[in-house]
Amino acid sequence: MSNVEWDSKIVIGSKAKAPKVTRNTSDLNAVCAARRAGAVVATDKKVTTGLNKAHQGTDHQRIAKLDRENEVAPPAKIPPSVGRAMQAARMDLKLSQKDIAQKINEKPSVLQDYEAGKAIPNPQILGKLERALGVKLRGSDIGKKMEGPKKS
């Protein structure tokens, strides 16, 4: 144990010294002086991706803006005249929205959206509604009573 030097240090897990980053003009002047003297000075661009929480949304905002510029128009909603024709035919039959929804195997909220003009038209649902209500809901003569099957 007598040959252990008390002045030496053993450091476990120490990090190597990182190269100095120029932060102000005096650091920059020192770098220029070192270059003039012929010393090798490394210049690396500092890249920090994903570390700065304050500016994290800027890329997403830019992409969202591009998406909005290229966005197509939203699909057309059902015309209000169809909703009024549905409501009038339902009232003539003295049925509630829930009754009609059960007849066509759809949720009552779907029927509410169609009558309010908030729904995106679905030809299958419109066909079911036309049969259940007996009223035209597509084409030029919306609200006209449908004729029964032709007899030959």
C-alpha atoms as a PDB file:
ATOM      1  CA  MET A   1       0.000   0.000   0.000  1.00  0.00           C
ATOM      2  CA  SER A   2       2.977   2.262   0.303  1.00  0.00           C
ATOM      3  CA  ASN A   3       3.305   2.747  -3.455  1.00  0.00           C
ATOM      4  CA  VAL A   4      -0.116   4.457  -3.871  1.00  0.00           C
ATOM      5  CA  GLU A   5       0.228   8.088  -4.838  1.00  0.00           C
ATOM      6  CA  TRP A   6      -1.949  10.276  -2.730  1.00  0.00           C
ATOM      7  CA  ASP A   7      -1.852  13.174  -5.205  1.00  0.00           C
ATOM      8  CA  SER A   8      -3.272  11.260  -8.173  1.00  0.00           C
ATOM      9  CA  LYS A   9      -7.012  11.147  -8.733  1.00  0.00           C
ATOM     10  CA  ILE A  10      -9.040   8.477 -10.414  1.00  0.00           C
ATOM     11  CA  VAL A  11     -12.343   9.852 -11.714  1.00  0.00           C
ATOM     12  CA  ILE A  12     -14.922   7.352 -12.843  1.00  0.00           C
ATOM     13  CA  GLY A  13     -17.480   8.455 -15.421  1.00  0.00           C
ATOM     14  CA  SER A  14     -15.937  11.788 -16.244  1.00  0.00           C
ATOM     15  CA  LYS A  15     -16.915  13.385 -19.530  1.00  0.00           C
ATOM     16  CA  ALA A  16     -14.379  14.541 -22.049  1.00  0.00           C
ATOM     17  CA  LYS A  17     -14.177  18.259 -22.420  1.00  0.00           C
ATOM     18  CA  ALA A  18     -16.465  19.501 -25.150  1.00  0.00           C
ATOM     19  CA  PRO A  19     -15.116  21.961 -27.712  1.00  0.00           C
ATOM     20  CA  LYS A  20     -15.812  25.559 -26.865  1.00  0.00           C
ATOM     21  CA  VAL A  21     -18.703  27.209 -28.661  1.00  0.00           C
ATOM     22  CA  THR A  22     -18.306  30.841 -29.650  1.00  0.00           C
ATOM     23  CA  ARG A  23     -20.980  32.858 -27.972  1.00  0.00           C
ATOM     24  CA  ASN A  24     -19.720  36.412 -28.217  1.00  0.00           C
ATOM     25  CA  THR A  25     -17.297  38.564 -30.223  1.00  0.00           C
ATOM     26  CA  SER A  26     -14.277  37.980 -27.944  1.00  0.00           C
ATOM     27  CA  ASP A  27     -14.599  34.201 -28.509  1.00  0.00           C
ATOM     28  CA  LEU A  28     -14.869  34.828 -32.244  1.00  0.00           C
ATOM     29  CA  ASN A  29     -11.768  37.016 -32.182  1.00  0.00           C
ATOM     30  CA  ALA A  30      -9.855  34.256 -30.376  1.00  0.00           C
ATOM     31  CA  VAL A  31     -10.899  31.766 -33.080  1.00  0.00           C
ATOM     32  CA  CYS A  32      -9.748  34.142 -35.833  1.00  0.00           C
ATOM     33  CA  ALA A  33      -6.410  34.671 -34.062  1.00  0.00           C
ATOM     34  CA  ALA A  34      -5.946  30.899 -33.779  1.00  0.00           C
ATOM     35  CA  ARG A  35      -6.642  30.499 -37.500  1.00  0.00           C
ATOM     36  CA  ARG A  36      -4.097  33.210 -38.340  1.00  0.00           C
ATOM     37  CA  ALA A  37      -1.564  31.409 -36.201  1.00  0.00           C
ATOM     38  CA  GLY A  38      -2.161  28.237 -38.229  1.00  0.00           C
ATOM     39  CA  ALA A  39      -4.031  26.234 -35.614  1.00  0.00           C
ATOM     40  CA  VAL A  40      -6.814  23.906 -36.687  1.00  0.00           C
ATOM     41  CA  VAL A  41     -10.181  25.215 -35.614  1.00  0.00           C
ATOM     42  CA  ALA A  42     -13.247  23.028 -36.008  1.00  0.00           C
ATOM     43  CA  THR A  43     -16.440  24.731 -37.016  1.00  0.00           C
ATOM     44  CA  ASP A  44     -19.490  22.529 -36.679  1.00  0.00           C
ATOM     45  CA  LYS A  45     -23.034  23.668 -37.038  1.00  0.00           C
ATOM     46  CA  LYS A  46     -24.927  23.017 -33.850  1.00  0.00           C
ATOM     47  CA  VAL A  47     -27.958  20.890 -34.542  1.00  0.00           C
ATOM     48  CA  THR A  48     -30.518  20.465 -31.809  1.00  0.00           C
ATOM     49  CA  THR A  49     -33.650  18.717 -32.912  1.00  0.00           C
ATOM     50  CA  GLY A  50     -36.449  18.013 -30.521  1.00  0.00           C
ATOM     51  CA  LEU A  51     -34.764  19.581 -27.505  1.00  0.00           C
ATOM     52  CA  ASN A  52     -36.315  23.031 -27.562  1.00  0.00           C
ATOM     53  CA  LYS A  53     -39.816  22.716 -26.198  1.00  0.00           C
ATOM     54  CA  ALA A  54     -40.670  26.374 -26.816  1.00  0.00           C
ATOM     55  CA  HIS A  55     -40.482  26.128 -30.609  1.00  0.00           C
ATOM     56  CA  GLN A  56     -41.678  22.589 -31.041  1.00  0.00           C
ATOM     57  CA  GLY A  57     -44.974  23.477 -32.748  1.00  0.00           C
ATOM     58  CA  THR A  58     -43.516  25.666 -35.487  1.00  0.00           C
ATOM     59  CA  ASP A  59     -43.000  22.798 -37.936  1.00  0.00           C
ATOM     60  CA  HIS A  60     -46.478  21.496 -37.265  1.00  0.00           C
ATOM     61  CA  GLN A  61     -47.950  24.949 -37.745  1.00  0.00           C
ATOM     62  CA  ARG A  62     -46.140  25.339 -41.066  1.00  0.00           C
ATOM     63  CA  ILE A  63     -47.325  21.935 -42.257  1.00  0.00           C
ATOM     64  CA  ALA A  64     -50.879  22.662 -41.134  1.00  0.00           C
ATOM     65  CA  LYS A  65     -50.795  25.950 -43.039  1.00  0.00           C
ATOM     66  CA  LEU A  66     -49.681  24.115 -46.186  1.00  0.00           C
ATOM     67  CA  ASP A  67     -52.466  21.593 -45.692  1.00  0.00           C
ATOM     68  CA  ARG A  68     -55.043  24.374 -45.385  1.00  0.00           C
ATOM     69  CA  GLU A  69     -53.815  25.937 -48.619  1.00  0.00           C
ATOM     70  CA  ASN A  70     -54.192  22.655 -50.499  1.00  0.00           C
ATOM     71  CA  GLU A  71     -57.366  21.555 -48.775  1.00  0.00           C
ATOM     72  CA  VAL A  72     -60.332  20.579 -50.886  1.00  0.00           C
ATOM     73  CA  ALA A  73     -63.804  21.833 -50.078  1.00  0.00           C
ATOM     74  CA  PRO A  74     -65.679  19.813 -47.455  1.00  0.00           C
ATOM     75  CA  PRO A  75     -68.372  17.484 -48.776  1.00  0.00           C
ATOM     76  CA  ALA A  76     -71.758  19.068 -49.346  1.00  0.00           C
ATOM     77  CA  LYS A  77     -74.366  18.749 -46.621  1.00  0.00           C
ATOM     78  CA  ILE A  78     -77.918  17.675 -47.291  1.00  0.00           C
ATOM     79  CA  PRO A  79     -80.107  20.551 -48.565  1.00  0.00           C
ATOM     80  CA  PRO A  80     -82.581  22.041 -46.055  1.00  0.00           C
ATOM     81  CA  SER A  81     -85.465  21.233 -48.418  1.00  0.00           C
ATOM     82  CA  VAL A  82     -84.783  17.509 -47.945  1.00  0.00           C
ATOM     83  CA  GLY A  83     -84.925  17.901 -44.153  1.00  0.00           C
ATOM     84  CA  ARG A  84     -88.222  19.803 -44.375  1.00  0.00           C
ATOM     85  CA  ALA A  85     -89.705  17.175 -46.733  1.00  0.00           C
ATOM     86  CA  MET A  86     -88.632  14.388 -44.360  1.00  0.00           C
ATOM     87  CA  GLN A  87     -90.143  16.150 -41.371  1.00  0.00           C
ATOM     88  CA  ALA A  88     -93.423  16.887 -43.162  1.00  0.00           C
ATOM     89  CA  ALA A  89     -93.776  13.278 -44.359  1.00  0.00           C
ATOM     90  CA  ARG A  90     -92.971  11.964 -40.889  1.00  0.00           C
ATOM     91  CA  MET A  91     -95.592  14.259 -39.330  1.00  0.00           C
ATOM     92  CA  ASP A  92     -98.177  13.119 -41.899  1.00  0.00           C
ATOM     93  CA  LEU A  93     -97.530   9.516 -40.866  1.00  0.00           C
ATOM     94  CA  LYS A  94     -97.686  10.579 -37.184  1.00  0.00           C
ATOM     95  CA  LEU A  95     -94.366   8.907 -36.424  1.00  0.00           C
ATOM     96  CA  SER A  96     -91.459  10.068 -34.288  1.00  0.00           C
ATOM     97  CA  GLN A  97     -87.841  10.246 -35.400  1.00  0.00           C
ATOM     98  CA  LYS A  98     -87.157   7.202 -33.241  1.00  0.00           C
ATOM     99  CA  ASP A  99     -89.902   5.187 -35.012  1.00  0.00           C
ATOM    100  CA  ILE A 100     -88.559   6.010 -38.471  1.00  0.00           C
ATOM    101  CA  ALA A 101     -84.991   5.276 -37.327  1.00  0.00           C
ATOM    102  CA  GLN A 102     -86.099   1.830 -36.139  1.00  0.00           C
ATOM    103  CA  LYS A 103     -87.847   1.198 -39.463  1.00  0.00           C
ATOM    104  CA  ILE A 104     -84.721   1.926 -41.490  1.00  0.00           C
ATOM    105  CA  ASN A 105     -82.292   0.336 -38.962  1.00  0.00           C
ATOM    106  CA  GLU A 106     -80.378   3.537 -38.252  1.00  0.00           C
ATOM    107  CA  LYS A 107     -79.711   5.506 -35.085  1.00  0.00           C
ATOM    108  CA  PRO A 108     -82.132   8.327 -34.193  1.00  0.00           C
ATOM    109  CA  SER A 109     -79.184  10.758 -34.235  1.00  0.00           C
ATOM    110  CA  VAL A 110     -78.685   9.985 -37.956  1.00  0.00           C
ATOM    111  CA  LEU A 111     -82.287  10.944 -38.629  1.00  0.00           C
ATOM    112  CA  GLN A 112     -81.884  14.124 -36.561  1.00  0.00           C
ATOM    113  CA  ASP A 113     -78.835  15.115 -38.602  1.00  0.00           C
ATOM    114  CA  TYR A 114     -80.698  14.527 -41.880  1.00  0.00           C
ATOM    115  CA  GLU A 115     -83.697  16.602 -40.779  1.00  0.00           C
ATOM    116  CA  ALA A 116     -81.461  19.395 -39.466  1.00  0.00           C
ATOM    117  CA  GLY A 117     -79.437  19.489 -42.713  1.00  0.00           C
ATOM    118  CA  LYS A 118     -76.169  18.621 -40.941  1.00  0.00           C
ATOM    119  CA  ALA A 119     -75.611  15.194 -42.510  1.00  0.00           C
ATOM    120  CA  ILE A 120     -73.523  14.286 -45.533  1.00  0.00           C
ATOM    121  CA  PRO A 121     -75.952  12.601 -47.944  1.00  0.00           C
ATOM    122  CA  ASN A 122     -75.699   8.828 -48.186  1.00  0.00           C
ATOM    123  CA  PRO A 123     -77.680   7.326 -51.106  1.00  0.00           C
ATOM    124  CA  GLN A 124     -78.424   4.127 -49.157  1.00  0.00           C
ATOM    125  CA  ILE A 125     -79.910   5.967 -46.196  1.00  0.00           C
ATOM    126  CA  LEU A 126     -81.851   8.304 -48.502  1.00  0.00           C
ATOM    127  CA  GLY A 127     -83.266   5.277 -50.317  1.00  0.00           C
ATOM    128  CA  LYS A 128     -84.373   3.706 -47.032  1.00  0.00           C
ATOM    129  CA  LEU A 129     -85.951   6.998 -45.939  1.00  0.00           C
ATOM    130  CA  GLU A 130     -87.799   7.364 -49.255  1.00  0.00           C
ATOM    131  CA  ARG A 131     -89.319   3.900 -48.875  1.00  0.00           C
ATOM    132  CA  ALA A 132     -90.195   4.380 -45.187  1.00  0.00           C
ATOM    133  CA  LEU A 133     -91.722   7.845 -45.636  1.00  0.00           C
ATOM    134  CA  GLY A 134     -93.169   7.393 -49.131  1.00  0.00           C
ATOM    135  CA  VAL A 135     -91.691  10.724 -50.282  1.00  0.00           C
ATOM    136  CA  LYS A 136     -89.044  11.584 -52.912  1.00  0.00           C
ATOM    137  CA  LEU A 137     -85.884  12.911 -51.242  1.00  0.00           C
ATOM    138  CA  ARG A 138     -83.559  12.864 -54.263  1.00  0.00           C
ATOM    139  CA  GLY A 139     -83.751  14.483 -57.655  1.00  0.00           C
ATOM    140  CA  SER A 140     -85.696  17.528 -58.779  1.00  0.00           C
ATOM    141  CA  ASP A 141     -89.083  16.781 -57.211  1.00  0.00           C
ATOM    142  CA  ILE A 142     -88.112  16.611 -53.526  1.00  0.00           C
ATOM    143  CA  GLY A 143     -91.113  16.222 -51.214  1.00  0.00           C
ATOM    144  CA  LYS A 144     -93.407  14.730 -53.882  1.00  0.00           C
ATOM    145  CA  LYS A 145     -95.363  11.647 -52.826  1.00  0.00           C
ATOM    146  CA  MET A 146     -93.980   8.480 -54.336  1.00  0.00           C
ATOM    147  CA  GLU A 147     -96.262   6.347 -56.443  1.00  0.00           C
ATOM    148  CA  GLY A 148     -96.810   2.757 -55.461  1.00  0.00           C
ATOM    149  CA  PRO A 149     -95.510  -0.116 -57.558  1.00  0.00           C
ATOM    150  CA  LYS A 150     -96.889  -0.133 -61.087  1.00  0.00           C
ATOM    151  CA  LYS A 151     -99.529  -2.763 -61.764  1.00  0.00           C
ATOM    152  CA  SER A 152     -99.595  -4.403 -65.134  1.00  0.00           C
END
